[in-house]
Amino acid sequence: MNLKVTGLHLEVTPSLREYIENKLERITRHVDHVIDISVTLSVDKLVQKAEVNVHLSGKDIHIEASEADLYAAIDVLMDKLDRQVLKYKEKLTEHRATGSGEASQAQASL
């Protein structure tokens, strides 16, 4: 997994980067085929904004969150990302769980 953390109008400190990495561990527990993650942090007057682009095998997810505090924005962002990844994983497993065509019919007749 490649992780890229960039800051617009702010410096990404090691503690901020570590906080993001710790939060992303939750995502990598759900899905093991994460290819690339790009996190962009920005400051615009009183609004702190966090964005993430996650490139999974077969799916790209883009999520944004804005809060007054940057750490709160990251928390909201990771909660949204967690829900989207679980939704993607559920769709993937439902698709594979339903058998199709001759293979499932042949096995049912045995």
Protein backbone atom coordinates (compact mmCIF):
# COMPACT_ATOMS: atom_id res chain seq x y z
CA MET A 1 0.00 0.00 0.00
CA ASN A 2 1.34 3.39 -0.99
CA LEU A 3 0.41 6.29 1.28
CA LYS A 4 0.80 9.91 0.18
CA VAL A 5 -0.04 12.71 2.62
CA THR A 6 0.05 16.27 1.30
CA GLY A 7 -0.80 19.58 2.90
CA LEU A 8 -2.15 22.67 1.18
CA HIS A 9 -1.27 25.85 3.09
CA LEU A 10 -0.01 23.79 6.04
CA GLU A 11 2.92 21.61 6.98
CA VAL A 12 2.27 17.92 7.57
CA THR A 13 3.95 17.17 10.89
CA PRO A 14 5.17 13.68 11.83
CA SER A 15 2.49 13.46 14.54
CA LEU A 16 -0.23 14.32 12.03
CA ARG A 17 1.09 11.73 9.59
CA GLU A 18 1.25 9.10 12.36
CA TYR A 19 -2.35 9.93 13.38
CA ILE A 20 -3.51 9.36 9.79
CA GLU A 21 -1.59 6.08 9.52
CA ASN A 22 -3.14 4.82 12.77
CA LYS A 23 -6.63 5.69 11.52
CA LEU A 24 -5.99 3.97 8.17
CA GLU A 25 -5.15 0.69 9.92
CA ARG A 26 -8.88 0.28 10.45
CA ILE A 27 -9.45 0.40 6.70
CA THR A 28 -6.69 -2.05 5.86
CA ARG A 29 -8.20 -4.54 8.33
CA HIS A 30 -11.41 -4.64 6.28
CA VAL A 31 -9.87 -4.83 2.82
CA ASP A 32 -6.48 -6.32 2.05
CA HIS A 33 -6.18 -5.25 -1.60
CA VAL A 34 -5.62 -1.51 -1.12
CA ILE A 35 -3.32 -0.28 -3.88
CA ASP A 36 -2.87 3.42 -3.17
CA ILE A 37 -4.10 6.01 -0.66
CA SER A 38 -3.72 9.75 -1.15
CA VAL A 39 -4.66 12.12 1.70
CA THR A 40 -4.83 15.89 1.18
CA LEU A 41 -5.14 18.27 4.14
CA SER A 42 -5.96 21.93 3.62
CA VAL A 43 -6.71 25.05 5.61
CA ASP A 44 -9.01 27.81 4.37
CA LYS A 45 -9.49 30.51 7.01
CA LEU A 46 -11.50 28.81 9.77
CA VAL A 47 -12.32 25.61 7.87
CA GLN A 48 -9.99 22.61 8.08
CA LYS A 49 -10.57 20.17 5.23
CA ALA A 50 -9.41 16.60 4.73
CA GLU A 51 -9.77 14.61 1.51
CA VAL A 52 -8.85 11.03 0.69
CA ASN A 53 -8.59 9.06 -2.54
CA VAL A 54 -8.42 5.30 -2.07
CA HIS A 55 -7.57 3.10 -5.03
CA LEU A 56 -8.82 -0.43 -4.44
CA SER A 57 -8.73 -3.34 -6.80
CA GLY A 58 -11.65 -2.48 -9.09
CA LYS A 59 -12.87 0.66 -7.28
CA ASP A 60 -11.78 4.24 -6.55
CA ILE A 61 -13.24 6.00 -3.51
CA HIS A 62 -13.07 9.78 -2.96
CA ILE A 63 -14.28 11.32 0.31
CA GLU A 64 -14.12 14.84 1.78
CA ALA A 65 -14.74 16.15 5.30
CA SER A 66 -14.60 19.68 6.73
CA GLU A 67 -14.51 20.65 10.39
CA ALA A 68 -13.20 23.46 12.61
CA ASP A 69 -10.41 21.18 13.91
CA LEU A 70 -8.14 19.20 11.58
CA TYR A 71 -8.08 16.11 13.82
CA ALA A 72 -11.90 16.15 13.95
CA ALA A 73 -12.00 16.40 10.15
CA ILE A 74 -9.70 13.37 9.90
CA ASP A 75 -11.94 11.43 12.32
CA VAL A 76 -15.08 12.22 10.29
CA LEU A 77 -13.22 11.37 7.09
CA MET A 78 -12.11 7.98 8.38
CA ASP A 79 -15.63 7.15 9.60
CA LYS A 80 -17.03 7.92 6.14
CA LEU A 81 -14.25 5.95 4.48
CA ASP A 82 -14.85 2.98 6.77
CA ARG A 83 -18.54 2.89 5.82
CA GLN A 84 -17.74 3.11 2.10
CA VAL A 85 -15.12 0.36 2.25
CA LEU A 86 -17.49 -1.94 4.15
CA LYS A 87 -20.22 -1.21 1.59
CA TYR A 88 -17.83 -2.07 -1.24
CA LYS A 89 -16.70 -5.25 0.50
CA GLU A 90 -20.31 -6.30 1.12
CA LYS A 91 -21.20 -5.81 -2.54
CA LEU A 92 -18.15 -7.78 -3.58
CA THR A 93 -18.94 -10.73 -1.30
CA GLU A 94 -22.66 -10.71 -2.24
CA HIS A 95 -21.72 -10.82 -5.90
CA ARG A 96 -19.41 -13.76 -5.40
CA ALA A 97 -21.73 -15.60 -3.01
CA THR A 98 -24.56 -15.90 -5.53
CA GLY A 99 -23.75 -18.72 -7.89
CA SER A 100 -24.52 -18.30 -11.53
CA GLY A 101 -25.53 -20.54 -14.36
CA GLU A 102 -24.60 -24.13 -14.87
CA ALA A 103 -22.08 -24.55 -12.06
CA SER A 104 -24.57 -23.86 -9.28
CA GLN A 105 -27.33 -25.90 -10.96
CA ALA A 106 -25.04 -28.88 -11.49
CA GLN A 107 -23.95 -28.81 -7.87
CA ALA A 108 -27.56 -28.49 -6.68
CA SER A 109 -28.58 -31.60 -8.63
CA LEU A 110 -25.87 -33.71 -6.94
